[in-house]
PDB file of N, CA and C in Angstrom:
ATOM      1  N   UNK A   1      73.879  57.194 188.248  1.00  0.00           N
ATOM      2  CA  UNK A   1      73.467  57.733 186.869  1.00  0.00           C
ATOM      3  C   UNK A   1      74.615  58.068 186.118  1.00  0.00           C
ATOM      4  N   UNK A   2      74.529  58.341 184.999  1.00  0.00           N
ATOM      5  CA  UNK A   2      75.557  58.720 183.923  1.00  0.00           C
ATOM      6  C   UNK A   2      75.319  60.105 183.514  1.00  0.00           C
ATOM      7  N   UNK A   3      76.229  61.161 183.534  1.00  0.00           N
ATOM      8  CA  UNK A   3      76.016  62.420 183.132  1.00  0.00           C
ATOM      9  C   UNK A   3      76.852  62.458 181.925  1.00  0.00           C
ATOM     10  N   UNK A   4      76.711  63.562 181.227  1.00  0.00           N
ATOM     11  CA  UNK A   4      77.183  64.184 179.859  1.00  0.00           C
ATOM     12  C   UNK A   4      77.957  65.435 180.082  1.00  0.00           C
ATOM     13  N   UNK A   5      79.026  65.665 179.519  1.00  0.00           N
ATOM     14  CA  UNK A   5      79.619  67.134 179.607  1.00  0.00           C
ATOM     15  C   UNK A   5      79.231  67.861 178.644  1.00  0.00           C
ATOM     16  N   UNK A   6      79.045  69.096 178.913  1.00  0.00           N
ATOM     17  CA  UNK A   6      78.817  70.155 177.867  1.00  0.00           C
ATOM     18  C   UNK A   6      79.770  71.409 177.895  1.00  0.00           C
ATOM     19  N   UNK A   7      79.877  71.770 176.506  1.00  0.00           N
ATOM     20  CA  UNK A   7      80.648  73.018 176.436  1.00  0.00           C
ATOM     21  C   UNK A   7      79.835  74.195 176.089  1.00  0.00           C
ATOM     22  N   UNK A   8      79.851  75.365 176.826  1.00  0.00           N
ATOM     23  CA  UNK A   8      78.935  76.187 176.617  1.00  0.00           C
ATOM     24  C   UNK A   8      79.979  77.380 176.117  1.00  0.00           C
ATOM     25  N   UNK A   9      79.399  77.967 174.844  1.00  0.00           N
ATOM     26  CA  UNK A   9      80.226  78.913 174.407  1.00  0.00           C
ATOM     27  C   UNK A   9      79.559  80.277 174.392  1.00  0.00           C
ATOM     28  N   UNK A  10      79.964  81.499 174.360  1.00  0.00           N
ATOM     29  CA  UNK A  10      79.176  82.791 174.413  1.00  0.00           C
ATOM     30  C   UNK A  10      78.445  83.033 173.251  1.00  0.00           C
ATOM     31  N   UNK A  11      77.463  83.574 173.468  1.00  0.00           N
ATOM     32  CA  UNK A  11      76.390  84.145 172.090  1.00  0.00           C
ATOM     33  C   UNK A  11      76.789  85.486 171.602  1.00  0.00           C
ATOM     34  N   UNK A  12      76.191  85.782 170.612  1.00  0.00           N
ATOM     35  CA  UNK A  12      76.451  87.064 170.115  1.00  0.00           C
ATOM     36  C   UNK A  12      76.556  88.135 170.899  1.00  0.00           C
ATOM     37  N   UNK A  13      77.679  88.912 171.046  1.00  0.00           N
ATOM     38  CA  UNK A  13      77.755  90.106 171.918  1.00  0.00           C
ATOM     39  C   UNK A  13      78.094  89.601 173.294  1.00  0.00           C
ATOM     40  N   UNK A  14      78.351  88.447 173.574  1.00  0.00           N
ATOM     41  CA  UNK A  14      78.512  87.685 174.945  1.00  0.00           C
ATOM     42  C   UNK A  14      80.080  88.007 175.434  1.00  0.00           C
ATOM     43  N   UNK A  15      80.358  87.532 176.717  1.00  0.00           N
ATOM     44  CA  UNK A  15      81.579  87.748 176.968  1.00  0.00           C
ATOM     45  C   UNK A  15      81.747  86.262 177.863  1.00  0.00           C
ATOM     46  N   UNK A  16      83.147  86.076 177.896  1.00  0.00           N
ATOM     47  CA  UNK A  16      83.649  84.816 178.684  1.00  0.00           C
ATOM     48  C   UNK A  16      83.572  83.632 178.046  1.00  0.00           C
ATOM     49  N   UNK A  17      83.830  82.666 178.797  1.00  0.00           N
ATOM     50  CA  UNK A  17      84.046  81.218 178.195  1.00  0.00           C
ATOM     51  C   UNK A  17      84.931  80.861 177.089  1.00  0.00           C
ATOM     52  N   UNK A  18      84.726  79.829 176.462  1.00  0.00           N
ATOM     53  CA  UNK A  18      83.947  78.782 176.766  1.00  0.00           C
ATOM     54  C   UNK A  18      83.912  78.252 178.093  1.00  0.00           C
ATOM     55  N   UNK A  19      82.828  77.582 178.790  1.00  0.00           N
ATOM     56  CA  UNK A  19      82.931  76.928 180.081  1.00  0.00           C
ATOM     57  C   UNK A  19      82.638  75.386 179.937  1.00  0.00           C
ATOM     58  N   UNK A  20      83.014  74.533 180.562  1.00  0.00           N
ATOM     59  CA  UNK A  20      82.585  73.332 180.414  1.00  0.00           C
ATOM     60  C   UNK A  20      82.053  72.998 181.833  1.00  0.00           C
ATOM     61  N   UNK A  21      80.802  72.245 181.694  1.00  0.00           N
ATOM     62  CA  UNK A  21      79.904  72.007 182.629  1.00  0.00           C
ATOM     63  C   UNK A  21      80.014  70.307 182.654  1.00  0.00           C
ATOM     64  N   UNK A  22      80.518  69.791 183.808  1.00  0.00           N
ATOM     65  CA  UNK A  22      80.842  68.194 183.854  1.00  0.00           C
ATOM     66  C   UNK A  22      79.988  67.742 185.275  1.00  0.00           C
ATOM     67  N   UNK A  23      78.818  67.517 185.122  1.00  0.00           N
ATOM     68  CA  UNK A  23      78.140  66.963 186.503  1.00  0.00           C
ATOM     69  C   UNK A  23      78.752  65.757 186.911  1.00  0.00           C
ATOM     70  N   UNK A  24      78.357  65.372 188.223  1.00  0.00           N
ATOM     71  CA  UNK A  24      79.162  64.290 188.782  1.00  0.00           C
ATOM     72  C   UNK A  24      77.614  63.857 189.783  1.00  0.00           C
ATOM     73  N   UNK A  25      77.995  62.930 190.355  1.00  0.00           N
ATOM     74  CA  UNK A  25      76.733  62.091 191.236  1.00  0.00           C
ATOM     75  C   UNK A  25      76.141  63.077 192.322  1.00  0.00           C
ATOM     76  N   UNK A  26      77.122  64.113 192.898  1.00  0.00           N
ATOM     77  CA  UNK A  26      76.686  64.948 193.821  1.00  0.00           C
ATOM     78  C   UNK A  26      76.455  66.299 193.125  1.00  0.00           C
ATOM     79  N   UNK A  27      77.165  67.236 191.982  1.00  0.00           N
ATOM     80  CA  UNK A  27      76.703  68.368 191.200  1.00  0.00           C
ATOM     81  C   UNK A  27      75.969  67.857 190.065  1.00  0.00           C
ATOM     82  N   UNK A  28      74.587  67.635 190.617  1.00  0.00           N
ATOM     83  CA  UNK A  28      73.858  67.076 189.127  1.00  0.00           C
ATOM     84  C   UNK A  28      72.556  68.052 188.997  1.00  0.00           C
ATOM     85  N   UNK A  29      72.674  69.442 189.395  1.00  0.00           N
ATOM     86  CA  UNK A  29      71.598  70.312 189.222  1.00  0.00           C
ATOM     87  C   UNK A  29      71.865  71.568 188.236  1.00  0.00           C
ATOM     88  N   UNK A  30      71.049  71.709 187.380  1.00  0.00           N
ATOM     89  CA  UNK A  30      71.367  72.909 186.659  1.00  0.00           C
ATOM     90  C   UNK A  30      69.844  73.706 187.343  1.00  0.00           C
ATOM     91  N   UNK A  31      70.460  74.802 187.989  1.00  0.00           N
ATOM     92  CA  UNK A  31      69.738  75.754 188.716  1.00  0.00           C
ATOM     93  C   UNK A  31      69.205  77.260 187.795  1.00  0.00           C
ATOM     94  N   UNK A  32      68.008  77.610 187.706  1.00  0.00           N
ATOM     95  CA  UNK A  32      67.985  78.793 186.985  1.00  0.00           C
ATOM     96  C   UNK A  32      67.468  79.678 188.107  1.00  0.00           C
ATOM     97  N   UNK A  33      67.887  80.920 187.893  1.00  0.00           N
ATOM     98  CA  UNK A  33      67.544  82.039 188.723  1.00  0.00           C
ATOM     99  C   UNK A  33      67.294  83.186 187.787  1.00  0.00           C
ATOM    100  N   UNK A  34      65.964  83.309 187.537  1.00  0.00           N
ATOM    101  CA  UNK A  34      65.709  84.267 186.227  1.00  0.00           C
ATOM    102  C   UNK A  34      64.464  84.737 186.905  1.00  0.00           C
ATOM    103  N   UNK A  35      64.073  84.571 187.777  1.00  0.00           N
ATOM    104  CA  UNK A  35      62.672  85.279 188.089  1.00  0.00           C
ATOM    105  C   UNK A  35      61.340  84.623 187.572  1.00  0.00           C
ATOM    106  N   UNK A  36      61.504  83.329 187.475  1.00  0.00           N
ATOM    107  CA  UNK A  36      60.249  82.694 187.165  1.00  0.00           C
ATOM    108  C   UNK A  36      60.271  81.949 185.979  1.00  0.00           C
ATOM    109  N   UNK A  37      60.740  82.857 184.878  1.00  0.00           N
ATOM    110  CA  UNK A  37      60.707  82.132 183.473  1.00  0.00           C
ATOM    111  C   UNK A  37      61.997  81.360 183.428  1.00  0.00           C
ATOM    112  N   UNK A  38      61.586  79.926 182.778  1.00  0.00           N
ATOM    113  CA  UNK A  38      62.412  79.096 182.421  1.00  0.00           C
ATOM    114  C   UNK A  38      63.165  79.166 181.028  1.00  0.00           C
ATOM    115  N   UNK A  39      64.611  79.507 181.197  1.00  0.00           N
ATOM    116  CA  UNK A  39      64.874  79.547 179.977  1.00  0.00           C
ATOM    117  C   UNK A  39      65.211  78.482 179.187  1.00  0.00           C
ATOM    118  N   UNK A  40      65.045  78.533 177.940  1.00  0.00           N
ATOM    119  CA  UNK A  40      65.289  77.389 176.911  1.00  0.00           C
ATOM    120  C   UNK A  40      66.908  76.848 177.115  1.00  0.00           C
ATOM    121  N   UNK A  41      67.698  77.700 177.293  1.00  0.00           N
ATOM    122  CA  UNK A  41      69.273  77.506 177.296  1.00  0.00           C
ATOM    123  C   UNK A  41      69.446  76.216 178.701  1.00  0.00           C
ATOM    124  N   UNK A  42      68.540  76.829 179.641  1.00  0.00           N
ATOM    125  CA  UNK A  42      68.484  75.977 181.196  1.00  0.00           C
ATOM    126  C   UNK A  42      67.988  74.619 180.927  1.00  0.00           C
ATOM    127  N   UNK A  43      67.069  74.773 179.975  1.00  0.00           N
ATOM    128  CA  UNK A  43      66.309  73.195 179.599  1.00  0.00           C
ATOM    129  C   UNK A  43      67.105  72.382 178.956  1.00  0.00           C
ATOM    130  N   UNK A  44      67.865  73.066 177.858  1.00  0.00           N
ATOM    131  CA  UNK A  44      68.813  72.421 176.946  1.00  0.00           C
ATOM    132  C   UNK A  44      70.244  71.889 177.818  1.00  0.00           C
ATOM    133  N   UNK A  45      70.421  72.796 178.791  1.00  0.00           N
ATOM    134  CA  UNK A  45      71.730  72.167 179.302  1.00  0.00           C
ATOM    135  C   UNK A  45      71.216  70.824 180.184  1.00  0.00           C
ATOM    136  N   UNK A  46      70.183  71.058 181.024  1.00  0.00           N
ATOM    137  CA  UNK A  46      69.837  69.815 181.654  1.00  0.00           C
ATOM    138  C   UNK A  46      69.347  68.560 180.879  1.00  0.00           C
ATOM    139  N   UNK A  47      68.732  68.602 179.566  1.00  0.00           N
ATOM    140  CA  UNK A  47      68.666  67.715 178.857  1.00  0.00           C
ATOM    141  C   UNK A  47      69.695  67.038 178.411  1.00  0.00           C
ATOM    142  N   UNK A  48      70.778  67.875 177.910  1.00  0.00           N
ATOM    143  CA  UNK A  48      71.921  67.072 177.572  1.00  0.00           C
ATOM    144  C   UNK A  48      72.742  66.472 178.308  1.00  0.00           C
ATOM    145  N   UNK A  49      72.954  67.002 179.514  1.00  0.00           N
ATOM    146  CA  UNK A  49      73.770  66.540 180.620  1.00  0.00           C
ATOM    147  C   UNK A  49      72.976  65.526 181.384  1.00  0.00           C
ATOM    148  N   UNK A  50      71.813  65.437 181.593  1.00  0.00           N
ATOM    149  CA  UNK A  50      71.095  64.728 182.399  1.00  0.00           C
ATOM    150  C   UNK A  50      70.766  64.971 183.667  1.00  0.00           C
ATOM    151  N   UNK A  51      71.028  66.172 184.122  1.00  0.00           N
ATOM    152  CA  UNK A  51      71.104  66.850 185.345  1.00  0.00           C
ATOM    153  C   UNK A  51      69.371  67.211 185.684  1.00  0.00           C
ATOM    154  N   UNK A  52      69.258  67.286 186.745  1.00  0.00           N
ATOM    155  CA  UNK A  52      67.692  67.874 187.270  1.00  0.00           C
ATOM    156  C   UNK A  52      67.873  69.261 186.823  1.00  0.00           C
ATOM    157  N   UNK A  53      66.550  69.947 186.539  1.00  0.00           N
ATOM    158  CA  UNK A  53      66.472  71.271 186.267  1.00  0.00           C
ATOM    159  C   UNK A  53      65.660  71.812 187.280  1.00  0.00           C
ATOM    160  N   UNK A  54      66.061  72.868 188.126  1.00  0.00           N
ATOM    161  CA  UNK A  54      65.590  73.321 189.188  1.00  0.00           C
ATOM    162  C   UNK A  54      65.370  74.782 189.134  1.00  0.00           C
ATOM    163  N   UNK A  55      63.986  75.485 189.443  1.00  0.00           N
ATOM    164  CA  UNK A  55      63.962  76.860 189.719  1.00  0.00           C
ATOM    165  C   UNK A  55      64.548  77.439 191.079  1.00  0.00           C
ATOM    166  N   UNK A  56      65.634  78.251 191.107  1.00  0.00           N
ATOM    167  CA  UNK A  56      66.316  78.530 192.170  1.00  0.00           C
ATOM    168  C   UNK A  56      65.611  79.660 193.091  1.00  0.00           C
ATOM    169  N   UNK A  57      64.638  80.366 192.288  1.00  0.00           N
ATOM    170  CA  UNK A  57      63.795  81.161 193.149  1.00  0.00           C
ATOM    171  C   UNK A  57      62.842  80.497 193.996  1.00  0.00           C
ATOM    172  N   UNK A  58      62.336  79.073 193.601  1.00  0.00           N
ATOM    173  CA  UNK A  58      61.118  78.482 194.291  1.00  0.00           C
ATOM    174  C   UNK A  58      61.825  77.757 195.197  1.00  0.00           C
ATOM    175  N   UNK A  59      63.070  77.059 194.928  1.00  0.00           N
ATOM    176  CA  UNK A  59      63.505  75.888 195.674  1.00  0.00           C
ATOM    177  C   UNK A  59      65.064  76.084 195.952  1.00  0.00           C
ATOM    178  N   UNK A  60      65.351  76.026 197.210  1.00  0.00           N
ATOM    179  CA  UNK A  60      66.870  76.065 197.727  1.00  0.00           C
ATOM    180  C   UNK A  60      67.439  74.945 197.110  1.00  0.00           C
ATOM    181  N   UNK A  61      68.805  75.236 196.735  1.00  0.00           N
ATOM    182  CA  UNK A  61      69.557  74.011 196.369  1.00  0.00           C
ATOM    183  C   UNK A  61      71.035  74.544 196.895  1.00  0.00           C
ATOM    184  N   UNK A  62      71.495  73.313 197.569  1.00  0.00           N
ATOM    185  CA  UNK A  62      72.976  73.238 198.321  1.00  0.00           C
ATOM    186  C   UNK A  62      74.029  73.820 197.104  1.00  0.00           C
ATOM    187  N   UNK A  63      74.761  74.568 197.515  1.00  0.00           N
ATOM    188  CA  UNK A  63      75.785  75.105 196.434  1.00  0.00           C
ATOM    189  C   UNK A  63      76.610  73.689 195.838  1.00  0.00           C
ATOM    190  N   UNK A  64      76.805  72.995 196.593  1.00  0.00           N
ATOM    191  CA  UNK A  64      77.679  71.600 196.566  1.00  0.00           C
ATOM    192  C   UNK A  64      76.966  70.640 195.534  1.00  0.00           C
ATOM    193  N   UNK A  65      75.624  70.869 195.236  1.00  0.00           N
ATOM    194  CA  UNK A  65      74.828  70.106 194.309  1.00  0.00           C
ATOM    195  C   UNK A  65      74.489  70.832 193.050  1.00  0.00           C
ATOM    196  N   UNK A  66      75.075  71.930 192.727  1.00  0.00           N
ATOM    197  CA  UNK A  66      75.039  72.720 191.617  1.00  0.00           C
ATOM    198  C   UNK A  66      75.750  72.527 190.528  1.00  0.00           C
ATOM    199  N   UNK A  67      75.642  72.004 189.333  1.00  0.00           N
ATOM    200  CA  UNK A  67      76.514  71.739 187.979  1.00  0.00           C
ATOM    201  C   UNK A  67      76.754  72.970 187.525  1.00  0.00           C
ATOM    202  N   UNK A  68      75.672  73.626 187.413  1.00  0.00           N
ATOM    203  CA  UNK A  68      75.830  75.111 186.824  1.00  0.00           C
ATOM    204  C   UNK A  68      74.664  76.079 187.231  1.00  0.00           C
ATOM    205  N   UNK A  69      74.680  77.475 187.204  1.00  0.00           N
ATOM    206  CA  UNK A  69      73.713  78.460 187.194  1.00  0.00           C
ATOM    207  C   UNK A  69      73.425  79.035 186.124  1.00  0.00           C
ATOM    208  N   UNK A  70      72.138  79.367 185.872  1.00  0.00           N
ATOM    209  CA  UNK A  70      71.660  79.954 184.648  1.00  0.00           C
ATOM    210  C   UNK A  70      71.061  81.168 185.181  1.00  0.00           C
ATOM    211  N   UNK A  71      71.321  82.553 184.681  1.00  0.00           N
ATOM    212  CA  UNK A  71      70.966  83.571 185.472  1.00  0.00           C
ATOM    213  C   UNK A  71      70.711  84.636 184.057  1.00  0.00           C
ATOM    214  N   UNK A  72      69.886  85.621 184.487  1.00  0.00           N
ATOM    215  CA  UNK A  72      69.539  86.642 183.595  1.00  0.00           C
ATOM    216  C   UNK A  72      69.887  88.018 184.363  1.00  0.00           C
ATOM    217  N   UNK A  73      71.092  88.392 184.492  1.00  0.00           N
ATOM    218  CA  UNK A  73      71.450  89.536 185.273  1.00  0.00           C
ATOM    219  C   UNK A  73      72.126  90.651 184.348  1.00  0.00           C
ATOM    220  N   UNK A  74      71.790  91.663 184.258  1.00  0.00           N
ATOM    221  CA  UNK A  74      72.117  92.754 183.622  1.00  0.00           C
ATOM    222  C   UNK A  74      73.321  93.642 184.057  1.00  0.00           C
ATOM    223  N   UNK A  75      74.163  93.035 185.118  1.00  0.00           N
ATOM    224  CA  UNK A  75      74.929  93.619 185.782  1.00  0.00           C
ATOM    225  C   UNK A  75      75.236  94.116 187.274  1.00  0.00           C
ATOM    226  N   UNK A  76      74.208  93.531 188.040  1.00  0.00           N
ATOM    227  CA  UNK A  76      74.244  93.611 189.518  1.00  0.00           C
ATOM    228  C   UNK A  76      74.812  92.466 190.102  1.00  0.00           C
ATOM    229  N   UNK A  77      74.147  92.223 191.257  1.00  0.00           N
ATOM    230  CA  UNK A  77      74.873  91.151 192.187  1.00  0.00           C
ATOM    231  C   UNK A  77      74.901  89.870 191.436  1.00  0.00           C
ATOM    232  N   UNK A  78      73.770  89.428 190.935  1.00  0.00           N
ATOM    233  CA  UNK A  78      73.653  87.658 190.540  1.00  0.00           C
ATOM    234  C   UNK A  78      74.732  87.356 189.786  1.00  0.00           C
ATOM    235  N   UNK A  79      75.338  88.087 188.757  1.00  0.00           N
ATOM    236  CA  UNK A  79      76.518  88.177 187.616  1.00  0.00           C
ATOM    237  C   UNK A  79      77.629  87.451 188.530  1.00  0.00           C
ATOM    238  N   UNK A  80      78.029  87.865 189.863  1.00  0.00           N
ATOM    239  CA  UNK A  80      79.258  87.334 190.310  1.00  0.00           C
ATOM    240  C   UNK A  80      79.094  86.510 191.500  1.00  0.00           C
ATOM    241  N   UNK A  81      77.781  86.143 191.939  1.00  0.00           N
ATOM    242  CA  UNK A  81      77.482  85.572 193.094  1.00  0.00           C
ATOM    243  C   UNK A  81      77.860  83.975 192.948  1.00  0.00           C
ATOM    244  N   UNK A  82      77.571  83.411 191.863  1.00  0.00           N
ATOM    245  CA  UNK A  82      78.115  82.007 191.597  1.00  0.00           C
ATOM    246  C   UNK A  82      79.517  81.825 191.130  1.00  0.00           C
ATOM    247  N   UNK A  83      79.925  82.835 190.495  1.00  0.00           N
ATOM    248  CA  UNK A  83      81.300  82.629 189.907  1.00  0.00           C
ATOM    249  C   UNK A  83      82.347  82.706 191.160  1.00  0.00           C
ATOM    250  N   UNK A  84      81.818  83.690 192.176  1.00  0.00           N
ATOM    251  CA  UNK A  84      82.470  83.826 193.509  1.00  0.00           C
ATOM    252  C   UNK A  84      82.756  82.259 194.171  1.00  0.00           C
ATOM    253  N   UNK A  85      81.393  81.439 194.141  1.00  0.00           N
ATOM    254  CA  UNK A  85      81.502  80.171 194.724  1.00  0.00           C
ATOM    255  C   UNK A  85      82.350  79.211 193.807  1.00  0.00           C
ATOM    256  N   UNK A  86      82.846  79.564 192.544  1.00  0.00           N
ATOM    257  CA  UNK A  86      83.241  78.573 191.533  1.00  0.00           C
ATOM    258  C   UNK A  86      82.199  77.704 191.011  1.00  0.00           C
ATOM    259  N   UNK A  87      80.922  78.267 190.657  1.00  0.00           N
ATOM    260  CA  UNK A  87      80.126  77.518 190.163  1.00  0.00           C
ATOM    261  C   UNK A  87      79.904  77.959 188.770  1.00  0.00           C
ATOM    262  N   UNK A  88      80.118  77.079 187.682  1.00  0.00           N
ATOM    263  CA  UNK A  88      79.936  77.484 186.309  1.00  0.00           C
ATOM    264  C   UNK A  88      78.611  78.568 186.215  1.00  0.00           C
ATOM    265  N   UNK A  89      78.614  79.719 185.674  1.00  0.00           N
ATOM    266  CA  UNK A  89      77.569  80.640 185.409  1.00  0.00           C
ATOM    267  C   UNK A  89      77.264  80.657 183.991  1.00  0.00           C
ATOM    268  N   UNK A  90      75.940  80.654 183.605  1.00  0.00           N
ATOM    269  CA  UNK A  90      75.649  80.997 182.371  1.00  0.00           C
ATOM    270  C   UNK A  90      74.377  82.146 182.272  1.00  0.00           C
ATOM    271  N   UNK A  91      74.950  83.225 181.679  1.00  0.00           N
ATOM    272  CA  UNK A  91      73.941  84.449 181.927  1.00  0.00           C
ATOM    273  C   UNK A  91      73.313  84.522 180.226  1.00  0.00           C
ATOM    274  N   UNK A  92      71.931  84.413 180.451  1.00  0.00           N
ATOM    275  CA  UNK A  92      71.389  84.764 179.057  1.00  0.00           C
ATOM    276  C   UNK A  92      71.220  86.057 178.637  1.00  0.00           C
ATOM    277  N   UNK A  93      71.794  87.105 179.257  1.00  0.00           N
ATOM    278  CA  UNK A  93      72.060  88.632 178.941  1.00  0.00           C
ATOM    279  C   UNK A  93      73.486  88.765 178.485  1.00  0.00           C
ATOM    280  N   UNK A  94      73.791  89.665 177.616  1.00  0.00           N
ATOM    281  CA  UNK A  94      74.969  89.992 177.278  1.00  0.00           C
ATOM    282  C   UNK A  94      75.845  90.846 178.156  1.00  0.00           C
ATOM    283  N   UNK A  95      75.881  90.232 179.260  1.00  0.00           N
ATOM    284  CA  UNK A  95      76.824  90.942 180.438  1.00  0.00           C
ATOM    285  C   UNK A  95      78.178  90.502 180.634  1.00  0.00           C
ATOM    286  N   UNK A  96      78.821  91.379 180.693  1.00  0.00           N
ATOM    287  CA  UNK A  96      80.490  90.985 181.065  1.00  0.00           C
ATOM    288  C   UNK A  96      80.680  91.287 182.329  1.00  0.00           C
ATOM    289  N   UNK A  97      82.010  91.647 182.758  1.00  0.00           N
ATOM    290  CA  UNK A  97      82.652  91.614 184.097  1.00  0.00           C
ATOM    291  C   UNK A  97      82.096  92.888 184.553  1.00  0.00           C
ATOM    292  N   UNK A  98      80.903  93.010 185.569  1.00  0.00           N
ATOM    293  CA  UNK A  98      80.405  94.132 186.195  1.00  0.00           C
ATOM    294  C   UNK A  98      79.730  93.779 187.535  1.00  0.00           C
ATOM    295  N   UNK A  99      79.178  94.914 188.142  1.00  0.00           N
ATOM    296  CA  UNK A  99      78.672  94.664 189.486  1.00  0.00           C
ATOM    297  C   UNK A  99      79.666  94.827 190.342  1.00  0.00           C
ATOM    298  N   UNK A 100      79.171  94.426 191.776  1.00  0.00           N
ATOM    299  CA  UNK A 100      80.124  94.767 192.926  1.00  0.00           C
ATOM    300  C   UNK A 100      80.836  93.403 193.195  1.00  0.00           C
ATOM    301  N   UNK A 101      80.544  91.977 192.517  1.00  0.00           N
ATOM    302  CA  UNK A 101      81.264  91.079 192.529  1.00  0.00           C
ATOM    303  C   UNK A 101      82.368  90.888 191.246  1.00  0.00           C
ATOM    304  N   UNK A 102      82.364  92.019 190.496  1.00  0.00           N
ATOM    305  CA  UNK A 102      83.001  91.786 189.059  1.00  0.00           C
ATOM    306  C   UNK A 102      84.328  91.057 189.072  1.00  0.00           C
ATOM    307  N   UNK A 103      84.933  91.152 190.132  1.00  0.00           N
ATOM    308  CA  UNK A 103      86.407  90.519 190.421  1.00  0.00           C
ATOM    309  C   UNK A 103      86.453  89.097 190.429  1.00  0.00           C
ATOM    310  N   UNK A 104      85.206  88.440 190.616  1.00  0.00           N
ATOM    311  CA  UNK A 104      85.072  87.049 190.774  1.00  0.00           C
ATOM    312  C   UNK A 104      84.483  86.404 189.393  1.00  0.00           C
ATOM    313  N   UNK A 105      84.318  87.311 188.298  1.00  0.00           N
ATOM    314  CA  UNK A 105      83.825  87.000 187.008  1.00  0.00           C
ATOM    315  C   UNK A 105      84.949  86.828 186.071  1.00  0.00           C
ATOM    316  N   UNK A 106      85.248  85.473 185.863  1.00  0.00           N
ATOM    317  CA  UNK A 106      86.327  84.979 185.065  1.00  0.00           C
ATOM    318  C   UNK A 106      86.026  84.284 183.864  1.00  0.00           C
ATOM    319  N   UNK A 107      86.520  84.296 182.684  1.00  0.00           N
ATOM    320  CA  UNK A 107      86.414  83.715 181.529  1.00  0.00           C
ATOM    321  C   UNK A 107      86.091  82.041 181.879  1.00  0.00           C
ATOM    322  N   UNK A 108      86.999  81.730 182.673  1.00  0.00           N
ATOM    323  CA  UNK A 108      86.621  80.037 182.798  1.00  0.00           C
ATOM    324  C   UNK A 108      85.636  79.364 183.543  1.00  0.00           C
ATOM    325  N   UNK A 109      84.854  80.609 184.392  1.00  0.00           N
ATOM    326  CA  UNK A 109      83.699  80.071 185.213  1.00  0.00           C
ATOM    327  C   UNK A 109      82.251  80.837 184.612  1.00  0.00           C
ATOM    328  N   UNK A 110      82.371  81.794 183.707  1.00  0.00           N
ATOM    329  CA  UNK A 110      81.204  82.784 183.412  1.00  0.00           C
ATOM    330  C   UNK A 110      80.985  82.662 181.696  1.00  0.00           C
ATOM    331  N   UNK A 111      80.219  82.733 181.392  1.00  0.00           N
ATOM    332  CA  UNK A 111      79.777  83.079 179.916  1.00  0.00           C
ATOM    333  C   UNK A 111      78.484  83.693 179.702  1.00  0.00           C
ATOM    334  N   UNK A 112      78.309  84.565 178.953  1.00  0.00           N
ATOM    335  CA  UNK A 112      77.091  85.312 178.840  1.00  0.00           C
ATOM    336  C   UNK A 112      76.544  85.344 177.313  1.00  0.00           C
ATOM    337  N   UNK A 113      75.028  85.980 177.271  1.00  0.00           N
ATOM    338  CA  UNK A 113      74.645  85.930 175.913  1.00  0.00           C
ATOM    339  C   UNK A 113      74.401  84.516 175.209  1.00  0.00           C
ATOM    340  N   UNK A 114      74.217  83.766 176.354  1.00  0.00           N
ATOM    341  CA  UNK A 114      74.032  82.234 175.686  1.00  0.00           C
ATOM    342  C   UNK A 114      72.618  81.830 175.174  1.00  0.00           C
ATOM    343  N   UNK A 115      72.564  81.383 174.011  1.00  0.00           N
ATOM    344  CA  UNK A 115      71.642  80.666 173.477  1.00  0.00           C
ATOM    345  C   UNK A 115      71.589  79.057 173.645  1.00  0.00           C
ATOM    346  N   UNK A 116      70.442  78.354 173.218  1.00  0.00           N
ATOM    347  CA  UNK A 116      70.482  76.927 173.353  1.00  0.00           C
ATOM    348  C   UNK A 116      71.651  76.358 172.379  1.00  0.00           C
ATOM    349  N   UNK A 117      71.763  76.989 171.080  1.00  0.00           N
ATOM    350  CA  UNK A 117      72.443  76.736 170.110  1.00  0.00           C
ATOM    351  C   UNK A 117      74.168  76.921 170.394  1.00  0.00           C
ATOM    352  N   UNK A 118      74.325  77.592 171.370  1.00  0.00           N
ATOM    353  CA  UNK A 118      75.721  77.534 172.172  1.00  0.00           C
ATOM    354  C   UNK A 118      76.145  76.512 173.002  1.00  0.00           C
ATOM    355  N   UNK A 119      75.212  75.351 173.278  1.00  0.00           N
ATOM    356  CA  UNK A 119      75.836  74.408 174.189  1.00  0.00           C
ATOM    357  C   UNK A 119      75.857  73.030 173.175  1.00  0.00           C
ATOM    358  N   UNK A 120      76.979  72.317 173.426  1.00  0.00           N
ATOM    359  CA  UNK A 120      76.834  71.325 172.861  1.00  0.00           C
ATOM    360  C   UNK A 120      77.767  70.291 173.925  1.00  0.00           C
ATOM    361  N   UNK A 121      77.042  68.875 173.537  1.00  0.00           N
ATOM    362  CA  UNK A 121      77.810  67.649 174.264  1.00  0.00           C
ATOM    363  C   UNK A 121      79.414  67.643 173.801  1.00  0.00           C
ATOM    364  N   UNK A 122      80.260  67.317 174.851  1.00  0.00           N
ATOM    365  CA  UNK A 122      81.576  66.824 174.415  1.00  0.00           C
ATOM    366  C   UNK A 122      81.958  65.638 175.084  1.00  0.00           C
ATOM    367  N   UNK A 123      82.954  64.693 174.521  1.00  0.00           N
ATOM    368  CA  UNK A 123      83.379  63.685 174.967  1.00  0.00           C
ATOM    369  C   UNK A 123      84.228  63.874 176.152  1.00  0.00           C
TER     370      UNK A 123
END
């Protein structure tokens, strides 16, 4: 399958990024871990990249298959779990480096306050 690469910029009041999500034949899933609500930004990333969109609370996904994770964390553990694993992390909340794993939250792997308009296809 052919996938497209996207650039994701921070939204208003956000932190980090921009990050690049470049899916492969192995890393081809956009996982949202938001407590059931399917964020518009997760849908947009999946549509633009050609990745499969998966609810991470309902279905387990191997870390090695995740192109990016979309979260809604205000500053606790989830903000740092995926950056710690070097998985590009998109937070729909405007949270910067915080929580017990803050040391892993770096601008090249994490971006926050992201809305659909902050995601664009790049060559």
